[in-house]
Structure formats: C-alpha cells, structure tokens
Amino acid sequence: MAIFGPPSSVTPSSLSSADKPAWKIWFSGLTLRLANPKALIFFVAIQPQFVNPIGNLPLQMIWLAASSMIPELLILACYGVLAGRMQAVATRPGYGRTTHPIAGGLMVGVASLVATVRA
C-alpha cells in the first residue's frame, strides 16, 4: 500500500497539541522516557561501573547524571527544532506522494535482505 496506494496526508490540525495542557505533554514525555528499557539498563547496569566506591559518591552521581542528561537535553532539543521546521515540509500536498513510495521500497528491500539471510 505504501508504494502503490494513495498517500495519507498530514494536516496541521493533526499535528497540533494546542488543546492539551503543557503539564500533560510534559508528563507524557516523562513517562515515555522512564519506560525506555535502554535508559534503564544503562543507568542500572552500565553506569555504576564508573563510580569509585572510595570517592565522594554524591558528587560522582551528580557528575554522571549531568554528563548524561545535558547532552541528551541538547540532542532532544535539536530534534524538537528540526521537527518544528519539518512540519511545514510534511504538510505540503506532494510530500506523501514522494515519501510513501520511497519508504515502501525501502521496506521491501529490507524484507528481501531479511528473507535471504541464513541463520
């Protein structure tokens, strides 16, 4: 359907979250981040290996938390800015006609590769 079917259009009204309060949007994002298994595994299994038990534990935990959260904040802020700019592109009428066949072709290509791989 993605290759030959009619493209679904993205409208600004379907992208708008103006009717939601800011705290609901924030809570939804927080819930999504806390439920991320990769982040949980990183903070529970991998990050404690970098803590020196003899040193100042609270200072080390603050340093490790800041060194992981600040880059993440900057990266996610860049994603947000890019998404805001892409909204104007994604709502153009020809966007779906161009991207859907490309995405469908990529999916067929990946499926072909998976089908030919031996276990």
Protein backbone atom coordinates (compact mmCIF):
# COMPACT_ATOMS: atom_id res chain seq x y z
CA MET A 1 0.00 0.00 0.00
CA ALA A 2 2.87 2.40 0.73
CA ILE A 3 4.24 2.03 -2.80
CA PHE A 4 1.08 1.97 -4.91
CA GLY A 5 -1.67 3.20 -2.59
CA PRO A 6 -2.85 6.76 -2.14
CA PRO A 7 -0.70 8.72 0.31
CA SER A 8 -2.18 9.75 3.62
CA SER A 9 -1.92 13.47 4.14
CA VAL A 10 -0.52 15.14 7.22
CA THR A 11 -2.55 18.15 8.24
CA PRO A 12 -1.50 20.85 10.69
CA SER A 13 -4.60 20.14 12.79
CA SER A 14 -3.48 16.52 13.29
CA LEU A 15 -0.05 17.74 14.46
CA SER A 16 -1.33 20.40 16.83
CA SER A 17 -1.27 19.81 20.56
CA ALA A 18 -2.68 23.23 21.46
CA ASP A 19 -5.74 21.65 23.08
CA LYS A 20 -3.57 19.72 25.59
CA PRO A 21 -2.27 21.40 28.73
CA ALA A 22 1.52 21.72 28.92
CA TRP A 23 1.75 19.51 32.01
CA LYS A 24 0.04 16.61 30.16
CA ILE A 25 2.51 16.88 27.30
CA TRP A 26 5.41 17.01 29.78
CA PHE A 27 4.06 14.06 31.80
CA SER A 28 3.57 12.02 28.64
CA GLY A 29 7.18 12.66 27.62
CA LEU A 30 8.45 11.85 31.12
CA THR A 31 6.52 8.57 31.18
CA LEU A 32 7.88 7.64 27.77
CA ARG A 33 11.48 8.35 28.83
CA LEU A 34 11.17 6.46 32.14
CA ALA A 35 9.72 3.42 30.38
CA ASN A 36 12.65 3.25 27.94
CA PRO A 37 14.41 -0.07 28.63
CA LYS A 38 17.70 1.13 27.11
CA ALA A 39 17.92 4.03 29.55
CA LEU A 40 17.01 1.80 32.50
CA ILE A 41 19.66 -0.75 31.55
CA PHE A 42 22.25 1.99 31.12
CA PHE A 43 21.60 3.64 34.47
CA VAL A 44 21.21 0.40 36.45
CA ALA A 45 23.78 -1.92 34.86
CA ILE A 46 26.40 0.10 32.99
CA GLN A 47 26.76 3.48 34.65
CA PRO A 48 27.55 2.22 38.21
CA GLN A 49 30.74 0.64 36.87
CA PHE A 50 32.17 4.15 36.53
CA VAL A 51 31.61 5.02 40.21
CA ASN A 52 34.59 4.82 42.56
CA PRO A 53 33.25 3.46 45.89
CA ILE A 54 36.10 5.12 47.81
CA GLY A 55 35.46 8.59 46.37
CA ASN A 56 32.71 11.13 47.05
CA LEU A 57 29.62 9.18 45.94
CA PRO A 58 27.05 12.03 45.76
CA LEU A 59 29.45 14.18 43.73
CA GLN A 60 30.18 11.32 41.34
CA MET A 61 26.47 10.58 40.85
CA ILE A 62 25.75 14.26 40.19
CA TRP A 63 28.61 14.38 37.68
CA LEU A 64 27.46 11.20 35.90
CA ALA A 65 23.84 12.33 35.84
CA ALA A 66 24.77 15.74 34.43
CA SER A 67 27.13 14.26 31.86
CA SER A 68 24.36 12.01 30.56
CA MET A 69 21.38 14.36 30.83
CA ILE A 70 22.86 17.57 29.40
CA PRO A 71 23.87 16.04 26.02
CA GLU A 72 20.52 14.23 25.90
CA LEU A 73 18.69 17.51 26.50
CA LEU A 74 20.63 19.23 23.72
CA ILE A 75 20.04 16.36 21.28
CA LEU A 76 16.30 16.20 22.03
CA ALA A 77 16.03 20.00 21.75
CA CYS A 78 17.61 19.77 18.29
CA TYR A 79 15.09 17.05 17.38
CA GLY A 80 12.28 19.34 18.53
CA VAL A 81 13.55 22.28 16.46
CA LEU A 82 14.01 20.04 13.42
CA ALA A 83 10.50 18.59 13.85
CA GLY A 84 9.06 22.09 14.07
CA ARG A 85 10.78 23.07 10.84
CA MET A 86 9.80 19.83 9.12
CA GLN A 87 6.12 20.42 9.91
CA ALA A 88 5.96 22.94 7.07
CA VAL A 89 7.50 20.39 4.70
CA ALA A 90 5.42 17.42 5.86
CA THR A 91 2.13 19.27 5.39
CA ARG A 92 2.76 20.01 1.71
CA PRO A 93 0.45 18.09 -0.63
CA GLY A 94 3.23 16.38 -2.60
CA TYR A 95 5.18 15.19 0.44
CA GLY A 96 3.24 11.93 0.83
CA ARG A 97 3.34 11.19 -2.88
CA THR A 98 7.13 11.40 -2.76
CA THR A 99 7.98 9.79 0.56
CA HIS A 100 5.50 6.89 0.68
CA PRO A 101 6.86 5.06 -2.39
CA ILE A 102 10.41 5.59 -1.15
CA ALA A 103 9.55 4.24 2.30
CA GLY A 104 7.65 1.32 0.78
CA GLY A 105 10.57 0.48 -1.49
CA LEU A 106 12.98 0.59 1.45
CA MET A 107 10.74 -1.74 3.44
CA VAL A 108 10.55 -4.21 0.53
CA GLY A 109 14.36 -4.02 0.24
CA VAL A 110 14.86 -4.72 3.94
CA ALA A 111 12.36 -7.58 3.81
CA SER A 112 14.25 -9.05 0.85
CA LEU A 113 17.52 -8.86 2.76
CA VAL A 114 15.98 -10.49 5.80
CA ALA A 115 14.48 -13.25 3.65
CA THR A 116 17.84 -14.08 2.10
CA VAL A 117 19.91 -14.15 5.30
CA ARG A 118 20.80 -17.59 6.56
CA ALA A 119 20.51 -18.27 10.25
